[in-house]
Amino acid sequence: MGMAILFFEYIFWHYSRAISEMIGIFGNLVWFFYHFFSIGILSKTLISPIWRLEERYSGSGFSPQALFESLVVNIISRIVGVLLRSALIISGILSELFLAILFIISFISWLIFPVLVPILFIGGLTLFLL
């Protein structure tokens, strides 16, 4: 009688509480990767100069050479910033996508394993006895 109660309690836990905890763990991992790669912050500052490196125009009067020097340095700094931030954002999104695929595989496996284990056990016994 005790084993039957244990079996039904396990099945109840496996298909109720464990699934909700698995979804909670997945949510925590999504939150972690989003903040680890700073996807929100990097998206907001996508076209900002890298490491806030900016060249100020400090010419006395109008100097086209100094103006274009500062313009070129600022444009290059912004391009490098966009490239690095885009690479980090793409890495974060790919990590989140990999996590989602892994979660789907884990979730389906979690649902199937309690049914699959006895079937494989019986199949193994029949192969052993033949």
Foldseek 3Di string as FASTA:
>chain_A
DVVVVVVVVVVCCLPPVVVVVLVVVLVVVLVCLCVVLVLVVCVVCLQQFPVNDADDQDDDDDDPVSVVVRVVVRNVRRVVSNVVSVVSNVVSVVVNVVSVVVSVVVVVCSVCVVVVVVVVVVVVVVVVVD
